[in-house]
PDB file of N, CA and C in Angstrom:
ATOM      1  N   MET A   1       0.841  -1.159   0.000  1.00  0.00           N
ATOM      2  CA  MET A   1       0.000   0.000   0.000  1.00  0.00           C
ATOM      3  C   MET A   1       0.892   1.229   0.000  1.00  0.00           C
ATOM      4  N   ILE A   2       0.541   2.159  -0.851  1.00  0.00           N
ATOM      5  CA  ILE A   2       1.254   3.436  -0.864  1.00  0.00           C
ATOM      6  C   ILE A   2       0.201   4.537  -0.902  1.00  0.00           C
ATOM      7  N   SER A   3       0.285   5.442   0.047  1.00  0.00           N
ATOM      8  CA  SER A   3      -0.697   6.524   0.092  1.00  0.00           C
ATOM      9  C   SER A   3      -0.476   7.462  -1.084  1.00  0.00           C
ATOM     10  N   GLU A   4      -1.502   8.192  -1.415  1.00  0.00           N
ATOM     11  CA  GLU A   4      -1.395   9.155  -2.508  1.00  0.00           C
ATOM     12  C   GLU A   4      -0.337  10.209  -2.189  1.00  0.00           C
ATOM     13  N   ALA A   5      -0.267  10.623  -0.926  1.00  0.00           N
ATOM     14  CA  ALA A   5       0.709  11.639  -0.521  1.00  0.00           C
ATOM     15  C   ALA A   5       2.137  11.127  -0.697  1.00  0.00           C
ATOM     16  N   VAL A   6       2.409   9.888  -0.280  1.00  0.00           N
ATOM     17  CA  VAL A   6       3.754   9.319  -0.427  1.00  0.00           C
ATOM     18  C   VAL A   6       4.065   9.098  -1.901  1.00  0.00           C
ATOM     19  N   ALA A   7       3.110   8.577  -2.660  1.00  0.00           N
ATOM     20  CA  ALA A   7       3.321   8.362  -4.100  1.00  0.00           C
ATOM     21  C   ALA A   7       3.669   9.672  -4.797  1.00  0.00           C
ATOM     22  N   ASN A   8       2.950  10.731  -4.457  1.00  0.00           N
ATOM     23  CA  ASN A   8       3.233  12.045  -5.054  1.00  0.00           C
ATOM     24  C   ASN A   8       4.603  12.563  -4.643  1.00  0.00           C
ATOM     25  N   LYS A   9       4.952  12.376  -3.355  1.00  0.00           N
ATOM     26  CA  LYS A   9       6.247  12.861  -2.860  1.00  0.00           C
ATOM     27  C   LYS A   9       7.402  12.169  -3.570  1.00  0.00           C
ATOM     28  N   VAL A  10       7.375  10.841  -3.650  1.00  0.00           N
ATOM     29  CA  VAL A  10       8.503  10.144  -4.268  1.00  0.00           C
ATOM     30  C   VAL A  10       8.564  10.400  -5.778  1.00  0.00           C
ATOM     31  N   ARG A  11       7.396  10.633  -6.380  1.00  0.00           N
ATOM     32  CA  ARG A  11       7.386  10.946  -7.810  1.00  0.00           C
ATOM     33  C   ARG A  11       7.962  12.344  -8.059  1.00  0.00           C
ATOM     34  N   LYS A  12       7.519  13.327  -7.283  1.00  0.00           N
ATOM     35  CA  LYS A  12       7.963  14.710  -7.491  1.00  0.00           C
ATOM     36  C   LYS A  12       9.389  14.953  -7.006  1.00  0.00           C
ATOM     37  N   LYS A  13       9.711  14.430  -5.822  1.00  0.00           N
ATOM     38  CA  LYS A  13      11.018  14.704  -5.228  1.00  0.00           C
ATOM     39  C   LYS A  13      12.126  13.807  -5.784  1.00  0.00           C
ATOM     40  N   HIS A  14      11.795  12.529  -6.085  1.00  0.00           N
ATOM     41  CA  HIS A  14      12.829  11.568  -6.475  1.00  0.00           C
ATOM     42  C   HIS A  14      12.618  10.962  -7.868  1.00  0.00           C
ATOM     43  N   ASN A  15      11.518  11.359  -8.535  1.00  0.00           N
ATOM     44  CA  ASN A  15      11.190  10.838  -9.866  1.00  0.00           C
ATOM     45  C   ASN A  15      11.100   9.306  -9.871  1.00  0.00           C
ATOM     46  N   ILE A  16      10.511   8.752  -8.816  1.00  0.00           N
ATOM     47  CA  ILE A  16      10.309   7.313  -8.697  1.00  0.00           C
ATOM     48  C   ILE A  16       8.815   7.041  -8.753  1.00  0.00           C
ATOM     49  N   PHE A  17       8.446   6.044  -9.533  1.00  0.00           N
ATOM     50  CA  PHE A  17       7.049   5.701  -9.725  1.00  0.00           C
ATOM     51  C   PHE A  17       6.705   4.420  -8.978  1.00  0.00           C
ATOM     52  N   GLU A  18       5.429   4.265  -8.670  1.00  0.00           N
ATOM     53  CA  GLU A  18       4.957   3.120  -7.882  1.00  0.00           C
ATOM     54  C   GLU A  18       5.374   1.787  -8.501  1.00  0.00           C
ATOM     55  N   HIS A  19       5.309   1.688  -9.827  1.00  0.00           N
ATOM     56  CA  HIS A  19       5.670   0.412 -10.462  1.00  0.00           C
ATOM     57  C   HIS A  19       7.150   0.074 -10.227  1.00  0.00           C
ATOM     58  N   GLU A  20       8.012   1.100 -10.109  1.00  0.00           N
ATOM     59  CA  GLU A  20       9.426   0.845  -9.837  1.00  0.00           C
ATOM     60  C   GLU A  20       9.616   0.275  -8.424  1.00  0.00           C
ATOM     61  N   ILE A  21       8.819   0.758  -7.477  1.00  0.00           N
ATOM     62  CA  ILE A  21       8.889   0.254  -6.108  1.00  0.00           C
ATOM     63  C   ILE A  21       8.469  -1.217  -6.085  1.00  0.00           C
ATOM     64  N   LEU A  22       7.398  -1.537  -6.778  1.00  0.00           N
ATOM     65  CA  LEU A  22       6.940  -2.937  -6.853  1.00  0.00           C
ATOM     66  C   LEU A  22       7.993  -3.817  -7.509  1.00  0.00           C
ATOM     67  N   GLU A  23       8.638  -3.310  -8.547  1.00  0.00           N
ATOM     68  CA  GLU A  23       9.697  -4.065  -9.221  1.00  0.00           C
ATOM     69  C   GLU A  23      10.853  -4.339  -8.267  1.00  0.00           C
ATOM     70  N   CYS A  24      11.173  -3.381  -7.408  1.00  0.00           N
ATOM     71  CA  CYS A  24      12.253  -3.585  -6.435  1.00  0.00           C
ATOM     72  C   CYS A  24      11.913  -4.718  -5.474  1.00  0.00           C
ATOM     73  N   PHE A  25      10.657  -4.800  -5.034  1.00  0.00           N
ATOM     74  CA  PHE A  25      10.250  -5.928  -4.191  1.00  0.00           C
ATOM     75  C   PHE A  25      10.415  -7.240  -4.955  1.00  0.00           C
ATOM     76  N   GLU A  26      10.008  -7.256  -6.214  1.00  0.00           N
ATOM     77  CA  GLU A  26      10.110  -8.475  -7.031  1.00  0.00           C
ATOM     78  C   GLU A  26      11.563  -8.882  -7.269  1.00  0.00           C
ATOM     79  N   ASN A  27      12.457  -7.913  -7.421  1.00  0.00           N
ATOM     80  CA  ASN A  27      13.854  -8.180  -7.776  1.00  0.00           C
ATOM     81  C   ASN A  27      14.777  -8.288  -6.568  1.00  0.00           C
ATOM     82  N   ARG A  28      14.249  -8.088  -5.371  1.00  0.00           N
ATOM     83  CA  ARG A  28      15.069  -8.057  -4.153  1.00  0.00           C
ATOM     84  C   ARG A  28      15.779  -9.382  -3.939  1.00  0.00           C
ATOM     85  N   LEU A  29      17.084  -9.295  -3.701  1.00  0.00           N
ATOM     86  CA  LEU A  29      17.891 -10.480  -3.419  1.00  0.00           C
ATOM     87  C   LEU A  29      18.381 -10.507  -1.971  1.00  0.00           C
ATOM     88  N   GLY A  30      18.533  -9.346  -1.380  1.00  0.00           N
ATOM     89  CA  GLY A  30      19.053  -9.260  -0.020  1.00  0.00           C
ATOM     90  C   GLY A  30      17.935  -9.197   1.007  1.00  0.00           C
ATOM     91  N   PRO A  31      18.317  -9.084   2.271  1.00  0.00           N
ATOM     92  CA  PRO A  31      17.334  -9.083   3.367  1.00  0.00           C
ATOM     93  C   PRO A  31      16.677  -7.727   3.549  1.00  0.00           C
ATOM     94  N   PHE A  32      15.656  -7.697   4.398  1.00  0.00           N
ATOM     95  CA  PHE A  32      15.107  -6.442   4.877  1.00  0.00           C
ATOM     96  C   PHE A  32      15.925  -6.056   6.103  1.00  0.00           C
ATOM     97  N   LEU A  33      16.364  -4.801   6.171  1.00  0.00           N
ATOM     98  CA  LEU A  33      17.080  -4.312   7.344  1.00  0.00           C
ATOM     99  C   LEU A  33      16.139  -3.440   8.160  1.00  0.00           C
ATOM    100  N   GLU A  34      16.373  -3.359   9.461  1.00  0.00           N
ATOM    101  CA  GLU A  34      15.538  -2.549  10.336  1.00  0.00           C
ATOM    102  C   GLU A  34      16.214  -1.221  10.612  1.00  0.00           C
ATOM    103  N   ASP A  35      15.434  -0.149  10.515  1.00  0.00           N
ATOM    104  CA  ASP A  35      15.945   1.183  10.838  1.00  0.00           C
ATOM    105  C   ASP A  35      15.882   1.337  12.347  1.00  0.00           C
ATOM    106  N   LYS A  36      17.045   1.291  13.006  1.00  0.00           N
ATOM    107  CA  LYS A  36      17.099   1.328  14.464  1.00  0.00           C
ATOM    108  C   LYS A  36      17.403   2.718  15.015  1.00  0.00           C
ATOM    109  N   ARG A  37      17.482   3.711  14.143  1.00  0.00           N
ATOM    110  CA  ARG A  37      17.735   5.069  14.627  1.00  0.00           C
ATOM    111  C   ARG A  37      16.559   5.529  15.485  1.00  0.00           C
ATOM    112  N   GLU A  38      16.886   6.138  16.608  1.00  0.00           N
ATOM    113  CA  GLU A  38      15.873   6.519  17.596  1.00  0.00           C
ATOM    114  C   GLU A  38      14.767   7.387  16.995  1.00  0.00           C
ATOM    115  N   ASP A  39      15.131   8.354  16.182  1.00  0.00           N
ATOM    116  CA  ASP A  39      14.128   9.263  15.621  1.00  0.00           C
ATOM    117  C   ASP A  39      13.343   8.654  14.457  1.00  0.00           C
ATOM    118  N   HIS A  40      13.632   7.398  14.096  1.00  0.00           N
ATOM    119  CA  HIS A  40      12.896   6.726  13.023  1.00  0.00           C
ATOM    120  C   HIS A  40      12.167   5.476  13.518  1.00  0.00           C
ATOM    121  N   LYS A  41      12.183   5.244  14.834  1.00  0.00           N
ATOM    122  CA  LYS A  41      11.555   4.040  15.382  1.00  0.00           C
ATOM    123  C   LYS A  41      10.043   4.106  15.238  1.00  0.00           C
ATOM    124  N   THR A  42       9.473   2.990  14.846  1.00  0.00           N
ATOM    125  CA  THR A  42       8.030   2.854  14.706  1.00  0.00           C
ATOM    126  C   THR A  42       7.620   1.502  15.278  1.00  0.00           C
ATOM    127  N   ASP A  43       6.332   1.318  15.491  1.00  0.00           N
ATOM    128  CA  ASP A  43       5.802   0.036  15.950  1.00  0.00           C
ATOM    129  C   ASP A  43       4.636  -0.329  15.034  1.00  0.00           C
ATOM    130  N   PRO A  44       4.841  -1.340  14.208  1.00  0.00           N
ATOM    131  CA  PRO A  44       5.984  -2.217  14.028  1.00  0.00           C
ATOM    132  C   PRO A  44       7.186  -1.464  13.444  1.00  0.00           C
ATOM    133  N   PRO A  45       8.367  -2.085  13.483  1.00  0.00           N
ATOM    134  CA  PRO A  45       9.591  -1.396  13.059  1.00  0.00           C
ATOM    135  C   PRO A  45       9.599  -1.026  11.572  1.00  0.00           C
ATOM    136  N   THR A  46      10.265   0.082  11.296  1.00  0.00           N
ATOM    137  CA  THR A  46      10.497   0.482   9.909  1.00  0.00           C
ATOM    138  C   THR A  46      11.594  -0.405   9.337  1.00  0.00           C
ATOM    139  N   LYS A  47      11.340  -0.925   8.147  1.00  0.00           N
ATOM    140  CA  LYS A  47      12.300  -1.784   7.443  1.00  0.00           C
ATOM    141  C   LYS A  47      12.713  -1.104   6.150  1.00  0.00           C
ATOM    142  N   TRP A  48      13.835  -1.561   5.595  1.00  0.00           N
ATOM    143  CA  TRP A  48      14.282  -1.025   4.317  1.00  0.00           C
ATOM    144  C   TRP A  48      15.152  -2.033   3.597  1.00  0.00           C
ATOM    145  N   PHE A  49      15.282  -1.818   2.295  1.00  0.00           N
ATOM    146  CA  PHE A  49      16.163  -2.631   1.463  1.00  0.00           C
ATOM    147  C   PHE A  49      16.532  -1.828   0.235  1.00  0.00           C
ATOM    148  N   ILE A  50      17.554  -2.303  -0.449  1.00  0.00           N
ATOM    149  CA  ILE A  50      17.974  -1.683  -1.707  1.00  0.00           C
ATOM    150  C   ILE A  50      17.895  -2.750  -2.784  1.00  0.00           C
ATOM    151  N   SER A  51      17.297  -2.376  -3.888  1.00  0.00           N
ATOM    152  CA  SER A  51      17.135  -3.311  -4.993  1.00  0.00           C
ATOM    153  C   SER A  51      17.109  -2.518  -6.297  1.00  0.00           C
ATOM    154  N   GLU A  52      16.978  -3.249  -7.391  1.00  0.00           N
ATOM    155  CA  GLU A  52      16.920  -2.613  -8.707  1.00  0.00           C
ATOM    156  C   GLU A  52      15.537  -2.759  -9.312  1.00  0.00           C
ATOM    157  N   SER A  53      15.132  -1.721 -10.040  1.00  0.00           N
ATOM    158  CA  SER A  53      13.921  -1.809 -10.847  1.00  0.00           C
ATOM    159  C   SER A  53      14.259  -2.621 -12.103  1.00  0.00           C
ATOM    160  N   ARG A  54      13.274  -2.909 -12.903  1.00  0.00           N
ATOM    161  CA  ARG A  54      13.530  -3.674 -14.134  1.00  0.00           C
ATOM    162  C   ARG A  54      14.471  -2.943 -15.083  1.00  0.00           C
ATOM    163  N   SER A  55      14.460  -1.618 -15.009  1.00  0.00           N
ATOM    164  CA  SER A  55      15.346  -0.840 -15.877  1.00  0.00           C
ATOM    165  C   SER A  55      16.762  -0.737 -15.324  1.00  0.00           C
ATOM    166  N   GLY A  56      17.004  -1.328 -14.122  1.00  0.00           N
ATOM    167  CA  GLY A  56      18.334  -1.307 -13.525  1.00  0.00           C
ATOM    168  C   GLY A  56      18.573  -0.143 -12.590  1.00  0.00           C
ATOM    169  N   ARG A  57      17.555   0.625 -12.317  1.00  0.00           N
ATOM    170  CA  ARG A  57      17.686   1.755 -11.396  1.00  0.00           C
ATOM    171  C   ARG A  57      17.751   1.237  -9.960  1.00  0.00           C
ATOM    172  N   VAL A  58      18.762   1.662  -9.203  1.00  0.00           N
ATOM    173  CA  VAL A  58      18.941   1.232  -7.818  1.00  0.00           C
ATOM    174  C   VAL A  58      18.123   2.156  -6.911  1.00  0.00           C
ATOM    175  N   ILE A  59      17.272   1.543  -6.088  1.00  0.00           N
ATOM    176  CA  ILE A  59      16.343   2.297  -5.242  1.00  0.00           C
ATOM    177  C   ILE A  59      16.343   1.730  -3.829  1.00  0.00           C
ATOM    178  N   LYS A  60      16.336   2.632  -2.843  1.00  0.00           N
ATOM    179  CA  LYS A  60      16.136   2.242  -1.445  1.00  0.00           C
ATOM    180  C   LYS A  60      14.638   2.381  -1.163  1.00  0.00           C
ATOM    181  N   VAL A  61      14.035   1.307  -0.676  1.00  0.00           N
ATOM    182  CA  VAL A  61      12.609   1.296  -0.351  1.00  0.00           C
ATOM    183  C   VAL A  61      12.471   1.196   1.163  1.00  0.00           C
ATOM    184  N   VAL A  62      11.703   2.114   1.742  1.00  0.00           N
ATOM    185  CA  VAL A  62      11.480   2.166   3.185  1.00  0.00           C
ATOM    186  C   VAL A  62      10.001   1.868   3.429  1.00  0.00           C
ATOM    187  N   PHE A  63       9.726   0.936   4.355  1.00  0.00           N
ATOM    188  CA  PHE A  63       8.341   0.509   4.550  1.00  0.00           C
ATOM    189  C   PHE A  63       8.116  -0.004   5.963  1.00  0.00           C
ATOM    190  N   ILE A  64       6.851  -0.184   6.291  1.00  0.00           N
ATOM    191  CA  ILE A  64       6.439  -0.832   7.532  1.00  0.00           C
ATOM    192  C   ILE A  64       5.566  -2.014   7.143  1.00  0.00           C
ATOM    193  N   TYR A  65       5.833  -3.165   7.767  1.00  0.00           N
ATOM    194  CA  TYR A  65       5.009  -4.354   7.551  1.00  0.00           C
ATOM    195  C   TYR A  65       4.106  -4.549   8.758  1.00  0.00           C
ATOM    196  N   TYR A  66       2.799  -4.612   8.503  1.00  0.00           N
ATOM    197  CA  TYR A  66       1.811  -4.854   9.538  1.00  0.00           C
ATOM    198  C   TYR A  66       1.373  -6.316   9.436  1.00  0.00           C
ATOM    199  N   PRO A  67       1.961  -7.196  10.267  1.00  0.00           N
ATOM    200  CA  PRO A  67       1.691  -8.630  10.114  1.00  0.00           C
ATOM    201  C   PRO A  67       0.233  -9.025  10.334  1.00  0.00           C
ATOM    202  N   ASP A  68      -0.467  -8.363  11.250  1.00  0.00           N
ATOM    203  CA  ASP A  68      -1.863  -8.728  11.505  1.00  0.00           C
ATOM    204  C   ASP A  68      -2.743  -8.492  10.278  1.00  0.00           C
ATOM    205  N   GLU A  69      -2.439  -7.446   9.538  1.00  0.00           N
ATOM    206  CA  GLU A  69      -3.199  -7.129   8.331  1.00  0.00           C
ATOM    207  C   GLU A  69      -2.543  -7.705   7.076  1.00  0.00           C
ATOM    208  N   ARG A  70      -1.320  -8.246   7.274  1.00  0.00           N
ATOM    209  CA  ARG A  70      -0.517  -8.733   6.139  1.00  0.00           C
ATOM    210  C   ARG A  70      -0.400  -7.647   5.066  1.00  0.00           C
ATOM    211  N   GLU A  71      -0.029  -6.457   5.551  1.00  0.00           N
ATOM    212  CA  GLU A  71       0.028  -5.289   4.677  1.00  0.00           C
ATOM    213  C   GLU A  71       1.384  -4.605   4.799  1.00  0.00           C
ATOM    214  N   ILE A  72       1.929  -4.215   3.673  1.00  0.00           N
ATOM    215  CA  ILE A  72       3.156  -3.428   3.609  1.00  0.00           C
ATOM    216  C   ILE A  72       2.758  -2.009   3.245  1.00  0.00           C
ATOM    217  N   VAL A  73       3.224  -1.052   4.050  1.00  0.00           N
ATOM    218  CA  VAL A  73       2.946   0.356   3.790  1.00  0.00           C
ATOM    219  C   VAL A  73       4.256   1.040   3.444  1.00  0.00           C
ATOM    220  N   ILE A  74       4.324   1.595   2.256  1.00  0.00           N
ATOM    221  CA  ILE A  74       5.532   2.291   1.798  1.00  0.00           C
ATOM    222  C   ILE A  74       5.619   3.645   2.479  1.00  0.00           C
ATOM    223  N   LYS A  75       6.788   3.914   3.074  1.00  0.00           N
ATOM    224  CA  LYS A  75       7.032   5.213   3.700  1.00  0.00           C
ATOM    225  C   LYS A  75       7.800   6.148   2.776  1.00  0.00           C
ATOM    226  N   SER A  76       8.736   5.566   2.001  1.00  0.00           N
ATOM    227  CA  SER A  76       9.546   6.389   1.101  1.00  0.00           C
ATOM    228  C   SER A  76      10.301   5.488   0.131  1.00  0.00           C
ATOM    229  N   ALA A  77      10.819   6.108  -0.908  1.00  0.00           N
ATOM    230  CA  ALA A  77      11.671   5.421  -1.880  1.00  0.00           C
ATOM    231  C   ALA A  77      12.529   6.480  -2.551  1.00  0.00           C
ATOM    232  N   PHE A  78      13.821   6.173  -2.685  1.00  0.00           N
ATOM    233  CA  PHE A  78      14.754   7.135  -3.271  1.00  0.00           C
ATOM    234  C   PHE A  78      16.038   6.416  -3.644  1.00  0.00           C
ATOM    235  N   GLU A  79      16.877   7.083  -4.416  1.00  0.00           N
ATOM    236  CA  GLU A  79      18.162   6.498  -4.770  1.00  0.00           C
ATOM    237  C   GLU A  79      19.071   6.583  -3.537  1.00  0.00           C
ATOM    238  N   PRO A  80      19.678   5.470  -3.141  1.00  0.00           N
ATOM    239  CA  PRO A  80      20.490   5.465  -1.925  1.00  0.00           C
ATOM    240  C   PRO A  80      21.786   6.237  -2.092  1.00  0.00           C
ATOM    241  N   ASN A  81      22.263   6.791  -0.981  1.00  0.00           N
ATOM    242  CA  ASN A  81      23.576   7.424  -1.012  1.00  0.00           C
ATOM    243  C   ASN A  81      24.645   6.351  -0.789  1.00  0.00           C
ATOM    244  N   ASP A  82      25.898   6.736  -0.858  1.00  0.00           N
ATOM    245  CA  ASP A  82      26.997   5.776  -0.724  1.00  0.00           C
ATOM    246  C   ASP A  82      27.004   5.070   0.629  1.00  0.00           C
ATOM    247  N   ILE A  83      26.700   5.795   1.695  1.00  0.00           N
ATOM    248  CA  ILE A  83      26.702   5.200   3.031  1.00  0.00           C
ATOM    249  C   ILE A  83      25.616   4.133   3.134  1.00  0.00           C
ATOM    250  N   GLU A  84      24.420   4.436   2.655  1.00  0.00           N
ATOM    251  CA  GLU A  84      23.323   3.465   2.694  1.00  0.00           C
ATOM    252  C   GLU A  84      23.664   2.235   1.859  1.00  0.00           C
ATOM    253  N   SER A  85      24.252   2.445   0.706  1.00  0.00           N
ATOM    254  CA  SER A  85      24.645   1.322  -0.156  1.00  0.00           C
ATOM    255  C   SER A  85      25.678   0.440   0.532  1.00  0.00           C
ATOM    256  N   LYS A  86      26.657   1.057   1.191  1.00  0.00           N
ATOM    257  CA  LYS A  86      27.690   0.281   1.891  1.00  0.00           C
ATOM    258  C   LYS A  86      27.104  -0.500   3.059  1.00  0.00           C
ATOM    259  N   ILE A  87      26.182   0.103   3.807  1.00  0.00           N
ATOM    260  CA  ILE A  87      25.531  -0.600   4.915  1.00  0.00           C
ATOM    261  C   ILE A  87      24.777  -1.805   4.378  1.00  0.00           C
ATOM    262  N   TYR A  88      24.023  -1.601   3.308  1.00  0.00           N
ATOM    263  CA  TYR A  88      23.231  -2.710   2.774  1.00  0.00           C
ATOM    264  C   TYR A  88      24.132  -3.820   2.235  1.00  0.00           C
ATOM    265  N   GLN A  89      25.191  -3.437   1.556  1.00  0.00           N
ATOM    266  CA  GLN A  89      26.120  -4.447   1.036  1.00  0.00           C
ATOM    267  C   GLN A  89      26.759  -5.235   2.182  1.00  0.00           C
ATOM    268  N   LYS A  90      27.094  -4.544   3.256  1.00  0.00           N
ATOM    269  CA  LYS A  90      27.732  -5.209   4.406  1.00  0.00           C
ATOM    270  C   LYS A  90      26.827  -6.282   5.007  1.00  0.00           C
ATOM    271  N   TYR A  91      25.551  -5.962   5.175  1.00  0.00           N
ATOM    272  CA  TYR A  91      24.645  -6.889   5.844  1.00  0.00           C
ATOM    273  C   TYR A  91      23.932  -7.852   4.902  1.00  0.00           C
ATOM    274  N   SER A  92      24.020  -7.625   3.624  1.00  0.00           N
ATOM    275  CA  SER A  92      23.324  -8.508   2.689  1.00  0.00           C
ATOM    276  C   SER A  92      24.285  -9.340   1.845  1.00  0.00           C
ATOM    277  N   ASN A  93      25.569  -8.959   1.838  1.00  0.00           N
ATOM    278  CA  ASN A  93      26.551  -9.632   0.991  1.00  0.00           C
ATOM    279  C   ASN A  93      26.151  -9.589  -0.487  1.00  0.00           C
ATOM    280  N   LYS A  94      25.425  -8.543  -0.883  1.00  0.00           N
ATOM    281  CA  LYS A  94      25.002  -8.374  -2.267  1.00  0.00           C
ATOM    282  C   LYS A  94      25.682  -7.146  -2.841  1.00  0.00           C
ATOM    283  N   ARG A  95      26.251  -7.285  -3.993  1.00  0.00           N
ATOM    284  CA  ARG A  95      26.904  -6.162  -4.656  1.00  0.00           C
ATOM    285  C   ARG A  95      25.873  -5.368  -5.435  1.00  0.00           C
ATOM    286  N   LEU A  96      25.880  -4.054  -5.249  1.00  0.00           N
ATOM    287  CA  LEU A  96      24.962  -3.158  -5.951  1.00  0.00           C
ATOM    288  C   LEU A  96      25.714  -2.413  -7.039  1.00  0.00           C
ATOM    289  N   LYS A  97      24.979  -1.944  -8.021  1.00  0.00           N
ATOM    290  CA  LYS A  97      25.604  -1.171  -9.105  1.00  0.00           C
ATOM    291  C   LYS A  97      26.201   0.091  -8.577  1.00  0.00           C
TER     292      LYS A  97
END
């Protein structure tokens, strides 16, 4: 699930479309990591991963999974910076473009 507000934000600010986010879930090879930063803590926890869209665009997807509803809610999506890419590579053992 992606709210209209989040879909508009990622489209306008990062030029990322909903179908690219779905493609990243489909193409994901590494694990979901948990955002443990104090100012980003949520219940249930915020998770994230980095993957590629079908066109090869590398995107960081941030979401919350609600297990009782079996629903994923997208919080954000954007191209990762070098630090985020290195963190994901370290914990996933997956090489990114």
